[in-house]
Amino acid sequence: MFRLYASVFRGDFRGTPEAESHVHESPAAMTIPLVVLAILAAVAGFLGIPEVFMKDSHALEHFLAPIFDASKHFQHSHPAEPANELMLMGVSVGVALIASIWAWNRFSKKPDLAEPGGISKVLANKWYVDEFYDTIIVRPLNVVGDVLDKAVERSGIDWLVNGVGRAVQYGSRQLRLLQSGQVGIYVLLMIGGMILLFVLQFFLKK
């Protein structure tokens, strides 16, 4: 957060003089909600003061106690030692202060940095989560999708659907030849059908 603050609000203005002349504070409709949120964010931590500083001071815990009453059965039987809690708090606060001071000094002096390197490059690229996701999930899924598209969709499903359509189309073209409009052909087909029925009936009875 101090890196963001120093990059945005410290150093020289990085826009054009014309843009700088139009810089102004946001209207009250935008600043008042931000002020309210800032005050709440500053005092919200006092709702959950660790018990190592003050016993029964975790107001949020008591507020949600009826909801999580059953979770007491799963609590560890040996609570953490106060010394361990204080040590962990001190380490986390110390690391945060060191990082804040480092970010303030570095980005206040030179907000416009060159291409980052080392751990800064990892952080700038968001731990390469997007690249990892693209390599592990997106690309394999695209390969599987291409295989299914060519081997299953086009060569299988499309071939079957189109084959049924072509078979119906071919059969209809052949059957329409029977509708020639010649009465003699119709009589011939009728007689042939009757003979075929007689033959079938004769052999089926046997």
N, C-alpha and C. Protein backbone atom coordinates (compact mmCIF):
# COMPACT_ATOMS: atom_id res chain seq x y z
N MET A 1 0.82 -1.21 0.00
CA MET A 1 0.00 0.00 0.00
C MET A 1 0.86 1.26 0.00
N PHE A 2 1.99 1.22 0.73
CA PHE A 2 2.88 2.39 0.72
C PHE A 2 3.55 2.55 -0.64
N ARG A 3 3.78 1.45 -1.32
CA ARG A 3 4.32 1.55 -2.68
C ARG A 3 3.32 2.25 -3.59
N LEU A 4 2.05 1.86 -3.49
CA LEU A 4 1.02 2.51 -4.30
C LEU A 4 0.90 3.99 -3.94
N TYR A 5 0.92 4.29 -2.63
CA TYR A 5 0.80 5.68 -2.20
C TYR A 5 1.97 6.51 -2.72
N ALA A 6 3.18 6.00 -2.55
CA ALA A 6 4.35 6.75 -2.99
C ALA A 6 4.38 6.91 -4.51
N SER A 7 3.98 5.87 -5.23
CA SER A 7 3.99 5.96 -6.70
C SER A 7 2.98 6.97 -7.21
N VAL A 8 1.84 7.11 -6.51
CA VAL A 8 0.78 7.99 -6.99
C VAL A 8 0.97 9.42 -6.49
N PHE A 9 1.28 9.58 -5.22
CA PHE A 9 1.23 10.91 -4.60
C PHE A 9 2.60 11.53 -4.37
N ARG A 10 3.70 10.79 -4.52
CA ARG A 10 5.03 11.35 -4.32
C ARG A 10 5.69 11.58 -5.67
N GLY A 11 6.71 12.40 -5.66
CA GLY A 11 7.43 12.68 -6.90
C GLY A 11 6.74 13.74 -7.74
N ASP A 12 7.28 13.97 -8.92
CA ASP A 12 6.75 14.99 -9.82
C ASP A 12 5.52 14.48 -10.55
N PHE A 13 4.71 15.44 -11.00
CA PHE A 13 3.54 15.11 -11.80
C PHE A 13 3.98 14.52 -13.13
N ARG A 14 3.38 13.42 -13.51
CA ARG A 14 3.83 12.70 -14.72
C ARG A 14 2.91 12.92 -15.91
N GLY A 15 1.97 13.86 -15.78
CA GLY A 15 1.11 14.18 -16.90
C GLY A 15 1.58 15.44 -17.61
N THR A 16 0.77 15.91 -18.51
CA THR A 16 1.09 17.13 -19.26
C THR A 16 0.73 18.36 -18.41
N PRO A 17 1.35 19.50 -18.69
CA PRO A 17 0.97 20.72 -17.96
C PRO A 17 -0.51 21.05 -18.10
N GLU A 18 -1.08 20.77 -19.26
CA GLU A 18 -2.50 21.01 -19.45
C GLU A 18 -3.34 20.15 -18.50
N ALA A 19 -2.96 18.88 -18.35
CA ALA A 19 -3.67 18.00 -17.44
C ALA A 19 -3.47 18.42 -15.98
N GLU A 20 -2.25 18.89 -15.66
CA GLU A 20 -1.98 19.32 -14.29
C GLU A 20 -2.82 20.52 -13.89
N SER A 21 -3.10 21.39 -14.85
CA SER A 21 -3.89 22.58 -14.53
C SER A 21 -5.35 22.24 -14.21
N HIS A 22 -5.78 21.06 -14.61
CA HIS A 22 -7.17 20.67 -14.37
C HIS A 22 -7.30 19.71 -13.18
N VAL A 23 -6.21 19.46 -12.46
CA VAL A 23 -6.28 18.56 -11.32
C VAL A 23 -7.04 19.25 -10.18
N HIS A 24 -8.00 18.55 -9.58
CA HIS A 24 -8.78 19.12 -8.49
C HIS A 24 -9.26 18.00 -7.59
N GLU A 25 -9.73 18.35 -6.43
CA GLU A 25 -10.24 17.37 -5.48
C GLU A 25 -11.57 16.80 -5.96
N SER A 26 -11.82 15.56 -5.60
CA SER A 26 -13.09 14.93 -5.99
C SER A 26 -14.24 15.61 -5.27
N PRO A 27 -15.44 15.54 -5.83
CA PRO A 27 -16.60 16.16 -5.16
C PRO A 27 -16.93 15.44 -3.86
N ALA A 28 -17.77 16.10 -3.06
CA ALA A 28 -18.13 15.56 -1.75
C ALA A 28 -18.83 14.22 -1.85
N ALA A 29 -19.57 13.99 -2.93
CA ALA A 29 -20.27 12.71 -3.10
C ALA A 29 -19.30 11.54 -3.16
N MET A 30 -18.03 11.82 -3.52
CA MET A 30 -17.03 10.76 -3.57
C MET A 30 -16.13 10.76 -2.34
N THR A 31 -15.80 11.94 -1.82
CA THR A 31 -14.87 12.00 -0.69
C THR A 31 -15.51 11.60 0.63
N ILE A 32 -16.77 11.99 0.85
CA ILE A 32 -17.42 11.67 2.13
C ILE A 32 -17.51 10.16 2.35
N PRO A 33 -17.97 9.35 1.37
CA PRO A 33 -17.96 7.90 1.61
C PRO A 33 -16.56 7.35 1.88
N LEU A 34 -15.54 7.92 1.22
CA LEU A 34 -14.17 7.44 1.45
C LEU A 34 -13.71 7.79 2.86
N VAL A 35 -14.08 8.97 3.34
CA VAL A 35 -13.72 9.35 4.71
C VAL A 35 -14.39 8.42 5.72
N VAL A 36 -15.67 8.13 5.49
CA VAL A 36 -16.39 7.23 6.39
C VAL A 36 -15.73 5.85 6.40
N LEU A 37 -15.38 5.34 5.22
CA LEU A 37 -14.73 4.04 5.14
C LEU A 37 -13.36 4.06 5.81
N ALA A 38 -12.63 5.17 5.66
CA ALA A 38 -11.31 5.27 6.29
C ALA A 38 -11.42 5.25 7.80
N ILE A 39 -12.40 5.98 8.35
CA ILE A 39 -12.59 6.00 9.81
C ILE A 39 -12.96 4.61 10.31
N LEU A 40 -13.89 3.96 9.61
CA LEU A 40 -14.30 2.61 10.03
C LEU A 40 -13.14 1.62 9.93
N ALA A 41 -12.33 1.76 8.88
CA ALA A 41 -11.18 0.86 8.74
C ALA A 41 -10.15 1.10 9.84
N ALA A 42 -10.03 2.35 10.30
CA ALA A 42 -9.05 2.67 11.34
C ALA A 42 -9.47 2.15 12.71
N VAL A 43 -10.76 2.15 12.98
CA VAL A 43 -11.24 1.75 14.32
C VAL A 43 -11.78 0.34 14.34
N ALA A 44 -11.94 -0.31 13.18
CA ALA A 44 -12.54 -1.65 13.16
C ALA A 44 -11.67 -2.66 13.88
N GLY A 45 -10.36 -2.45 13.87
CA GLY A 45 -9.49 -3.41 14.53
C GLY A 45 -9.71 -3.51 16.02
N PHE A 46 -10.23 -2.45 16.63
CA PHE A 46 -10.47 -2.48 18.08
C PHE A 46 -11.63 -3.40 18.45
N LEU A 47 -12.38 -3.88 17.46
CA LEU A 47 -13.44 -4.84 17.75
C LEU A 47 -12.88 -6.22 18.03
N GLY A 48 -11.64 -6.45 17.64
CA GLY A 48 -11.04 -7.77 17.84
C GLY A 48 -9.66 -7.70 18.46
N ILE A 49 -9.51 -7.00 19.58
CA ILE A 49 -8.23 -6.91 20.27
C ILE A 49 -7.87 -8.30 20.80
N PRO A 50 -6.67 -8.77 20.52
CA PRO A 50 -6.28 -10.10 21.03
C PRO A 50 -6.37 -10.17 22.54
N GLU A 51 -6.73 -11.34 23.04
CA GLU A 51 -6.91 -11.51 24.48
C GLU A 51 -5.60 -11.44 25.24
N VAL A 52 -4.47 -11.52 24.53
CA VAL A 52 -3.20 -11.39 25.21
C VAL A 52 -3.02 -9.99 25.77
N PHE A 53 -3.72 -9.00 25.20
CA PHE A 53 -3.67 -7.63 25.71
C PHE A 53 -4.80 -7.34 26.69
N MET A 54 -5.98 -7.89 26.42
CA MET A 54 -7.13 -7.60 27.26
C MET A 54 -8.08 -8.79 27.21
N LYS A 55 -8.40 -9.34 28.34
CA LYS A 55 -9.23 -10.53 28.38
C LYS A 55 -10.68 -10.18 28.03
N ASP A 56 -11.32 -11.09 27.28
CA ASP A 56 -12.71 -10.92 26.85
C ASP A 56 -12.93 -9.60 26.12
N SER A 57 -11.96 -9.24 25.25
CA SER A 57 -12.06 -7.97 24.53
C SER A 57 -12.46 -8.14 23.08
N HIS A 58 -12.60 -9.39 22.64
CA HIS A 58 -12.92 -9.66 21.23
C HIS A 58 -14.43 -9.51 21.05
N ALA A 59 -14.87 -8.28 20.75
CA ALA A 59 -16.30 -8.01 20.64
C ALA A 59 -16.95 -8.79 19.51
N LEU A 60 -16.25 -8.95 18.42
CA LEU A 60 -16.82 -9.67 17.29
C LEU A 60 -17.02 -11.13 17.62
N GLU A 61 -16.12 -11.69 18.40
CA GLU A 61 -16.26 -13.09 18.79
C GLU A 61 -17.53 -13.29 19.61
N HIS A 62 -17.79 -12.40 20.56
CA HIS A 62 -18.99 -12.52 21.37
C HIS A 62 -20.25 -12.23 20.56
N PHE A 63 -20.12 -11.34 19.57
CA PHE A 63 -21.29 -11.02 18.75
C PHE A 63 -21.72 -12.22 17.92
N LEU A 64 -20.75 -13.00 17.44
CA LEU A 64 -21.06 -14.17 16.61
C LEU A 64 -21.08 -15.46 17.41
N ALA A 65 -21.00 -15.36 18.74
CA ALA A 65 -20.94 -16.57 19.57
C ALA A 65 -22.12 -17.51 19.34
N PRO A 66 -23.37 -17.03 19.24
CA PRO A 66 -24.48 -17.97 19.02
C PRO A 66 -24.36 -18.77 17.73
N ILE A 67 -23.72 -18.18 16.72
CA ILE A 67 -23.61 -18.87 15.43
C ILE A 67 -22.55 -19.95 15.49
N PHE A 68 -21.43 -19.64 16.14
CA PHE A 68 -20.30 -20.57 16.16
C PHE A 68 -20.18 -21.29 17.50
N ASP A 69 -21.27 -21.44 18.21
CA ASP A 69 -21.22 -22.09 19.51
C ASP A 69 -20.76 -23.54 19.38
N ALA A 70 -21.20 -24.20 18.29
CA ALA A 70 -20.81 -25.61 18.12
C ALA A 70 -19.33 -25.76 17.84
N SER A 71 -18.66 -24.71 17.33
CA SER A 71 -17.25 -24.83 16.98
C SER A 71 -16.36 -24.94 18.21
N LYS A 72 -16.90 -24.65 19.39
CA LYS A 72 -16.09 -24.75 20.60
C LYS A 72 -15.65 -26.18 20.86
N HIS A 73 -16.41 -27.13 20.35
CA HIS A 73 -16.05 -28.54 20.56
C HIS A 73 -14.80 -28.93 19.79
N PHE A 74 -14.44 -28.12 18.78
CA PHE A 74 -13.28 -28.47 17.94
C PHE A 74 -12.06 -27.63 18.29
N GLN A 75 -12.13 -26.79 19.32
CA GLN A 75 -11.00 -25.97 19.69
C GLN A 75 -9.89 -26.83 20.31
N HIS A 76 -8.64 -26.37 20.10
CA HIS A 76 -7.49 -27.08 20.64
C HIS A 76 -7.51 -27.00 22.17
N SER A 77 -7.14 -28.08 22.80
CA SER A 77 -7.21 -28.13 24.26
C SER A 77 -6.13 -27.30 24.93
N HIS A 78 -5.03 -27.00 24.17
CA HIS A 78 -3.93 -26.23 24.75
C HIS A 78 -3.84 -24.89 24.02
N PRO A 79 -4.32 -23.80 24.62
CA PRO A 79 -4.25 -22.50 23.94
C PRO A 79 -2.82 -22.04 23.77
N ALA A 80 -2.62 -21.14 22.81
CA ALA A 80 -1.28 -20.64 22.52
C ALA A 80 -0.76 -19.83 23.69
N GLU A 81 0.56 -19.92 23.92
CA GLU A 81 1.18 -19.16 24.99
C GLU A 81 1.19 -17.68 24.64
N PRO A 82 0.99 -16.81 25.65
CA PRO A 82 1.03 -15.36 25.36
C PRO A 82 2.35 -14.92 24.74
N ALA A 83 3.45 -15.55 25.15
CA ALA A 83 4.75 -15.16 24.60
C ALA A 83 4.81 -15.46 23.11
N ASN A 84 4.27 -16.60 22.70
CA ASN A 84 4.26 -16.94 21.28
C ASN A 84 3.40 -15.98 20.48
N GLU A 85 2.24 -15.62 21.03
CA GLU A 85 1.38 -14.65 20.34
C GLU A 85 2.07 -13.31 20.18
N LEU A 86 2.71 -12.84 21.25
CA LEU A 86 3.41 -11.55 21.18
C LEU A 86 4.57 -11.61 20.19
N MET A 87 5.27 -12.75 20.14
CA MET A 87 6.38 -12.88 19.20
C MET A 87 5.87 -12.83 17.75
N LEU A 88 4.79 -13.57 17.47
CA LEU A 88 4.24 -13.57 16.11
C LEU A 88 3.72 -12.19 15.73
N MET A 89 3.08 -11.50 16.66
CA MET A 89 2.61 -10.14 16.37
C MET A 89 3.78 -9.21 16.10
N GLY A 90 4.82 -9.34 16.92
CA GLY A 90 5.99 -8.47 16.72
C GLY A 90 6.67 -8.71 15.39
N VAL A 91 6.79 -9.99 15.00
CA VAL A 91 7.43 -10.30 13.72
C VAL A 91 6.61 -9.75 12.56
N SER A 92 5.30 -9.97 12.60
CA SER A 92 4.46 -9.50 11.49
C SER A 92 4.44 -7.97 11.40
N VAL A 93 4.35 -7.31 12.56
CA VAL A 93 4.36 -5.84 12.55
C VAL A 93 5.72 -5.32 12.10
N GLY A 94 6.79 -5.98 12.55
CA GLY A 94 8.13 -5.56 12.13
C GLY A 94 8.34 -5.69 10.63
N VAL A 95 7.92 -6.83 10.08
CA VAL A 95 8.05 -7.02 8.62
C VAL A 95 7.23 -5.98 7.87
N ALA A 96 6.02 -5.69 8.35
CA ALA A 96 5.18 -4.69 7.69
C ALA A 96 5.82 -3.31 7.75
N LEU A 97 6.40 -2.94 8.90
CA LEU A 97 7.05 -1.63 9.02
C LEU A 97 8.28 -1.53 8.13
N ILE A 98 9.08 -2.58 8.10
CA ILE A 98 10.28 -2.56 7.24
C ILE A 98 9.89 -2.43 5.77
N ALA A 99 8.89 -3.19 5.35
CA ALA A 99 8.44 -3.11 3.95
C ALA A 99 7.85 -1.74 3.65
N SER A 100 7.12 -1.16 4.60
CA SER A 100 6.52 0.16 4.38
C SER A 100 7.59 1.23 4.26
N ILE A 101 8.59 1.19 5.15
CA ILE A 101 9.67 2.18 5.09
C ILE A 101 10.46 2.03 3.80
N TRP A 102 10.74 0.78 3.42
CA TRP A 102 11.49 0.56 2.18
C TRP A 102 10.72 1.06 0.96
N ALA A 103 9.42 0.75 0.91
CA ALA A 103 8.61 1.19 -0.22
C ALA A 103 8.49 2.71 -0.25
N TRP A 104 8.33 3.33 0.91
CA TRP A 104 8.22 4.78 0.98
C TRP A 104 9.49 5.45 0.45
N ASN A 105 10.65 4.99 0.92
CA ASN A 105 11.92 5.62 0.51
C ASN A 105 12.22 5.38 -0.96
N ARG A 106 11.99 4.16 -1.43
CA ARG A 106 12.37 3.84 -2.80
C ARG A 106 11.45 4.51 -3.82
N PHE A 107 10.16 4.37 -3.63
CA PHE A 107 9.23 4.86 -4.64
C PHE A 107 8.95 6.35 -4.49
N SER A 108 9.27 6.95 -3.34
CA SER A 108 9.14 8.39 -3.21
C SER A 108 10.23 9.11 -3.99
N LYS A 109 11.43 8.54 -3.99
CA LYS A 109 12.54 9.18 -4.68
C LYS A 109 12.44 8.98 -6.19
N LYS A 110 11.98 7.81 -6.61
CA LYS A 110 11.94 7.51 -8.04
C LYS A 110 10.72 6.65 -8.33
N PRO A 111 9.55 7.29 -8.44
CA PRO A 111 8.34 6.49 -8.71
C PRO A 111 8.39 5.76 -10.03
N ASP A 112 8.97 6.40 -11.06
CA ASP A 112 9.03 5.77 -12.38
C ASP A 112 10.27 4.90 -12.46
N LEU A 113 10.12 3.63 -12.12
CA LEU A 113 11.24 2.70 -12.14
C LEU A 113 11.30 1.96 -13.46
N ALA A 114 12.46 1.45 -13.74
CA ALA A 114 12.62 0.62 -14.94
C ALA A 114 12.00 -0.74 -14.70
N GLU A 115 12.22 -1.62 -15.65
CA GLU A 115 11.67 -2.96 -15.52
C GLU A 115 12.18 -3.61 -14.24
N PRO A 116 11.30 -4.07 -13.35
CA PRO A 116 11.75 -4.65 -12.09
C PRO A 116 12.47 -5.97 -12.31
N GLY A 117 13.26 -6.34 -11.32
CA GLY A 117 13.99 -7.60 -11.39
C GLY A 117 13.91 -8.34 -10.08
N GLY A 118 14.25 -9.61 -10.09
CA GLY A 118 14.24 -10.40 -8.88
C GLY A 118 12.85 -10.59 -8.32
N ILE A 119 12.75 -10.46 -6.99
CA ILE A 119 11.47 -10.65 -6.33
C ILE A 119 10.49 -9.55 -6.73
N SER A 120 11.02 -8.36 -7.08
CA SER A 120 10.14 -7.28 -7.52
C SER A 120 9.44 -7.64 -8.82
N LYS A 121 10.15 -8.34 -9.69
CA LYS A 121 9.52 -8.77 -10.94
C LYS A 121 8.43 -9.80 -10.68
N VAL A 122 8.69 -10.70 -9.72
CA VAL A 122 7.67 -11.69 -9.35
C VAL A 122 6.43 -11.00 -8.81
N LEU A 123 6.64 -10.01 -7.95
CA LEU A 123 5.50 -9.29 -7.38
C LEU A 123 4.79 -8.47 -8.45
N ALA A 124 5.56 -7.83 -9.35
CA ALA A 124 4.94 -7.02 -10.40
C ALA A 124 4.10 -7.86 -11.33
N ASN A 125 4.49 -9.11 -11.52
CA ASN A 125 3.72 -10.02 -12.38
C ASN A 125 2.73 -10.87 -11.61
N LYS A 126 2.39 -10.42 -10.38
CA LYS A 126 1.35 -11.07 -9.58
C LYS A 126 1.66 -12.54 -9.34
N TRP A 127 2.93 -12.81 -8.96
CA TRP A 127 3.38 -14.17 -8.65
C TRP A 127 3.21 -15.11 -9.84
N TYR A 128 3.08 -14.55 -11.04
CA TYR A 128 2.93 -15.34 -12.27
C TYR A 128 1.74 -16.30 -12.18
N VAL A 129 0.72 -15.89 -11.44
CA VAL A 129 -0.47 -16.73 -11.33
C VAL A 129 -1.17 -16.87 -12.67
N ASP A 130 -1.25 -15.75 -13.42
CA ASP A 130 -1.92 -15.81 -14.72
C ASP A 130 -1.16 -16.72 -15.68
N GLU A 131 0.18 -16.62 -15.68
CA GLU A 131 0.97 -17.47 -16.56
C GLU A 131 0.85 -18.94 -16.16
N PHE A 132 0.85 -19.20 -14.85
CA PHE A 132 0.69 -20.57 -14.37
C PHE A 132 -0.67 -21.12 -14.76
N TYR A 133 -1.70 -20.32 -14.58
CA TYR A 133 -3.06 -20.75 -14.94
C TYR A 133 -3.15 -21.00 -16.45
N ASP A 134 -2.52 -20.13 -17.25
CA ASP A 134 -2.56 -20.30 -18.69
C ASP A 134 -1.83 -21.57 -19.13
N THR A 135 -0.69 -21.87 -18.47
CA THR A 135 0.10 -23.04 -18.85
C THR A 135 -0.54 -24.34 -18.39
N ILE A 136 -1.08 -24.35 -17.17
CA ILE A 136 -1.58 -25.59 -16.58
C ILE A 136 -3.01 -25.90 -17.02
N ILE A 137 -3.83 -24.87 -17.23
CA ILE A 137 -5.25 -25.09 -17.48
C ILE A 137 -5.67 -24.66 -18.88
N VAL A 138 -5.38 -23.40 -19.24
CA VAL A 138 -5.92 -22.86 -20.49
C VAL A 138 -5.36 -23.59 -21.71
N ARG A 139 -4.04 -23.69 -21.81
CA ARG A 139 -3.45 -24.32 -22.99
C ARG A 139 -3.82 -25.79 -23.12
N PRO A 140 -3.72 -26.60 -22.04
CA PRO A 140 -4.17 -28.00 -22.19
C PRO A 140 -5.63 -28.12 -22.59
N LEU A 141 -6.49 -27.27 -22.05
CA LEU A 141 -7.89 -27.32 -22.43
C LEU A 141 -8.08 -26.94 -23.90
N ASN A 142 -7.29 -25.98 -24.37
CA ASN A 142 -7.37 -25.62 -25.80
C ASN A 142 -6.94 -26.77 -26.68
N VAL A 143 -5.88 -27.50 -26.27
CA VAL A 143 -5.42 -28.65 -27.05
C VAL A 143 -6.50 -29.74 -27.06
N VAL A 144 -7.06 -30.03 -25.88
CA VAL A 144 -8.13 -31.03 -25.82
C VAL A 144 -9.33 -30.59 -26.65
N GLY A 145 -9.65 -29.29 -26.59
CA GLY A 145 -10.76 -28.78 -27.38
C GLY A 145 -10.53 -28.92 -28.87
N ASP A 146 -9.28 -28.65 -29.32
CA ASP A 146 -8.97 -28.81 -30.75
C ASP A 146 -9.08 -30.26 -31.18
N VAL A 147 -8.59 -31.18 -30.33
CA VAL A 147 -8.67 -32.61 -30.67
C VAL A 147 -10.13 -33.05 -30.75
N LEU A 148 -10.92 -32.66 -29.77
CA LEU A 148 -12.34 -33.03 -29.78
C LEU A 148 -13.07 -32.39 -30.96
N ASP A 149 -12.67 -31.17 -31.32
CA ASP A 149 -13.31 -30.50 -32.45
C ASP A 149 -13.04 -31.24 -33.76
N LYS A 150 -11.79 -31.67 -33.95
CA LYS A 150 -11.44 -32.32 -35.21
C LYS A 150 -11.84 -33.79 -35.24
N ALA A 151 -11.57 -34.51 -34.13
CA ALA A 151 -11.77 -35.96 -34.13
C ALA A 151 -13.20 -36.35 -33.80
N VAL A 152 -13.86 -35.60 -32.94
CA VAL A 152 -15.20 -35.99 -32.49
C VAL A 152 -16.27 -35.16 -33.19
N GLU A 153 -16.10 -33.82 -33.13
CA GLU A 153 -17.14 -32.95 -33.66
C GLU A 153 -17.24 -33.06 -35.18
N ARG A 154 -16.12 -32.83 -35.87
CA ARG A 154 -16.17 -32.81 -37.34
C ARG A 154 -16.21 -34.21 -37.94
N SER A 155 -15.28 -35.10 -37.47
CA SER A 155 -15.19 -36.43 -38.07
C SER A 155 -16.25 -37.39 -37.54
N GLY A 156 -16.84 -37.09 -36.40
CA GLY A 156 -17.82 -37.99 -35.83
C GLY A 156 -19.25 -37.47 -35.89
N ILE A 157 -19.54 -36.47 -35.07
CA ILE A 157 -20.92 -35.97 -34.97
C ILE A 157 -21.36 -35.33 -36.28
N ASP A 158 -20.55 -34.41 -36.81
CA ASP A 158 -20.92 -33.75 -38.07
C ASP A 158 -21.06 -34.76 -39.20
N TRP A 159 -20.13 -35.74 -39.27
CA TRP A 159 -20.20 -36.75 -40.35
C TRP A 159 -21.49 -37.55 -40.23
N LEU A 160 -21.89 -37.92 -39.00
CA LEU A 160 -23.10 -38.70 -38.81
C LEU A 160 -24.34 -37.88 -39.18
N VAL A 161 -24.41 -36.64 -38.69
CA VAL A 161 -25.57 -35.80 -38.98
C VAL A 161 -25.66 -35.50 -40.46
N ASN A 162 -24.53 -35.10 -41.03
CA ASN A 162 -24.53 -34.79 -42.47
C ASN A 162 -24.77 -36.05 -43.30
N GLY A 163 -24.29 -37.21 -42.82
CA GLY A 163 -24.52 -38.46 -43.55
C GLY A 163 -26.00 -38.82 -43.59
N VAL A 164 -26.70 -38.62 -42.46
CA VAL A 164 -28.13 -38.88 -42.45
C VAL A 164 -28.85 -37.97 -43.43
N GLY A 165 -28.44 -36.71 -43.44
CA GLY A 165 -29.06 -35.78 -44.38
C GLY A 165 -28.79 -36.15 -45.83
N ARG A 166 -27.54 -36.54 -46.11
CA ARG A 166 -27.22 -36.94 -47.49
C ARG A 166 -27.96 -38.21 -47.88
N ALA A 167 -28.09 -39.17 -46.95
CA ALA A 167 -28.81 -40.42 -47.26
C ALA A 167 -30.28 -40.13 -47.56
N VAL A 168 -30.90 -39.26 -46.75
CA VAL A 168 -32.30 -38.91 -47.00
C VAL A 168 -32.43 -38.19 -48.34
N GLN A 169 -31.49 -37.32 -48.62
CA GLN A 169 -31.55 -36.58 -49.88
C GLN A 169 -31.38 -37.51 -51.08
N TYR A 170 -30.42 -38.44 -50.97
CA TYR A 170 -30.22 -39.39 -52.06
C TYR A 170 -31.43 -40.29 -52.24
N GLY A 171 -31.98 -40.81 -51.12
CA GLY A 171 -33.14 -41.67 -51.22
C GLY A 171 -34.34 -40.96 -51.81
N SER A 172 -34.53 -39.70 -51.45
CA SER A 172 -35.68 -38.95 -52.01
C SER A 172 -35.51 -38.72 -53.50
N ARG A 173 -34.26 -38.48 -53.94
CA ARG A 173 -34.04 -38.32 -55.39
C ARG A 173 -34.35 -39.60 -56.15
N GLN A 174 -34.02 -40.75 -55.57
CA GLN A 174 -34.29 -42.01 -56.25
C GLN A 174 -35.78 -42.35 -56.23
N LEU A 175 -36.45 -42.07 -55.10
CA LEU A 175 -37.86 -42.41 -54.99
C LEU A 175 -38.73 -41.52 -55.87
N ARG A 176 -38.31 -40.31 -56.10
CA ARG A 176 -39.14 -39.43 -56.92
C ARG A 176 -39.18 -39.89 -58.37
N LEU A 177 -38.21 -40.75 -58.77
CA LEU A 177 -38.24 -41.27 -60.14
C LEU A 177 -39.46 -42.17 -60.35
N LEU A 178 -40.00 -42.73 -59.25
CA LEU A 178 -41.19 -43.56 -59.39
C LEU A 178 -42.42 -42.74 -59.73
N GLN A 179 -42.41 -41.47 -59.34
CA GLN A 179 -43.55 -40.60 -59.65
C GLN A 179 -43.35 -39.97 -61.04
N SER A 180 -43.49 -40.84 -62.07
CA SER A 180 -43.25 -40.38 -63.45
C SER A 180 -44.51 -39.83 -64.12
N GLY A 181 -45.68 -40.11 -63.52
CA GLY A 181 -46.93 -39.66 -64.15
C GLY A 181 -47.46 -40.61 -65.20
N GLN A 182 -46.78 -41.73 -65.45
CA GLN A 182 -47.24 -42.71 -66.45
C GLN A 182 -48.07 -43.78 -65.75
N VAL A 183 -49.33 -43.90 -66.20
CA VAL A 183 -50.26 -44.84 -65.55
C VAL A 183 -49.78 -46.28 -65.70
N GLY A 184 -49.19 -46.59 -66.81
CA GLY A 184 -48.72 -47.96 -67.03
C GLY A 184 -47.69 -48.36 -65.99
N ILE A 185 -46.80 -47.46 -65.66
CA ILE A 185 -45.78 -47.76 -64.63
C ILE A 185 -46.45 -48.00 -63.28
N TYR A 186 -47.47 -47.16 -62.95
CA TYR A 186 -48.16 -47.34 -61.67
C TYR A 186 -48.84 -48.71 -61.61
N VAL A 187 -49.51 -49.13 -62.75
CA VAL A 187 -50.17 -50.43 -62.79
C VAL A 187 -49.15 -51.55 -62.64
N LEU A 188 -47.99 -51.39 -63.31
CA LEU A 188 -46.94 -52.40 -63.22
C LEU A 188 -46.43 -52.54 -61.79
N LEU A 189 -46.21 -51.42 -61.12
CA LEU A 189 -45.73 -51.47 -59.75
C LEU A 189 -46.77 -52.08 -58.82
N MET A 190 -48.06 -51.78 -59.08
CA MET A 190 -49.11 -52.33 -58.25
C MET A 190 -49.18 -53.85 -58.41
N ILE A 191 -49.11 -54.30 -59.64
CA ILE A 191 -49.14 -55.75 -59.88
C ILE A 191 -47.91 -56.42 -59.28
N GLY A 192 -46.75 -55.78 -59.46
CA GLY A 192 -45.53 -56.35 -58.87
C GLY A 192 -45.63 -56.44 -57.36
N GLY A 193 -46.21 -55.43 -56.73
CA GLY A 193 -46.38 -55.47 -55.28
C GLY A 193 -47.32 -56.57 -54.85
N MET A 194 -48.41 -56.78 -55.62
CA MET A 194 -49.35 -57.83 -55.28
C MET A 194 -48.68 -59.20 -55.41
N ILE A 195 -47.91 -59.38 -56.48
CA ILE A 195 -47.21 -60.66 -56.66
C ILE A 195 -46.24 -60.90 -55.51
N LEU A 196 -45.55 -59.84 -55.11
CA LEU A 196 -44.60 -59.98 -54.00
C LEU A 196 -45.30 -60.37 -52.71
N LEU A 197 -46.46 -59.79 -52.47
CA LEU A 197 -47.21 -60.15 -51.27
C LEU A 197 -47.68 -61.59 -51.31
N PHE A 198 -48.16 -62.03 -52.48
CA PHE A 198 -48.58 -63.43 -52.61
C PHE A 198 -47.41 -64.39 -52.37
N VAL A 199 -46.25 -64.06 -52.93
CA VAL A 199 -45.08 -64.92 -52.75
C VAL A 199 -44.69 -65.00 -51.28
N LEU A 200 -44.67 -63.82 -50.63
CA LEU A 200 -44.31 -63.82 -49.21
C LEU A 200 -45.30 -64.60 -48.37
N GLN A 201 -46.55 -64.43 -48.67
CA GLN A 201 -47.57 -65.17 -47.91
C GLN A 201 -47.46 -66.67 -48.14
N PHE A 202 -47.12 -67.05 -49.35
CA PHE A 202 -46.99 -68.46 -49.67
C PHE A 202 -45.84 -69.08 -48.89
N PHE A 203 -44.69 -68.43 -48.88
CA PHE A 203 -43.53 -69.01 -48.18
C PHE A 203 -43.66 -68.89 -46.67
N LEU A 204 -44.33 -67.83 -46.19
CA LEU A 204 -44.46 -67.69 -44.75
C LEU A 204 -45.38 -68.73 -44.15
N LYS A 205 -46.38 -69.14 -44.90
CA LYS A 205 -47.27 -70.19 -44.41
C LYS A 205 -46.54 -71.50 -44.26
N LYS A 206 -45.56 -71.75 -45.10
CA LYS A 206 -44.80 -72.98 -45.00
C LYS A 206 -43.83 -72.91 -43.83
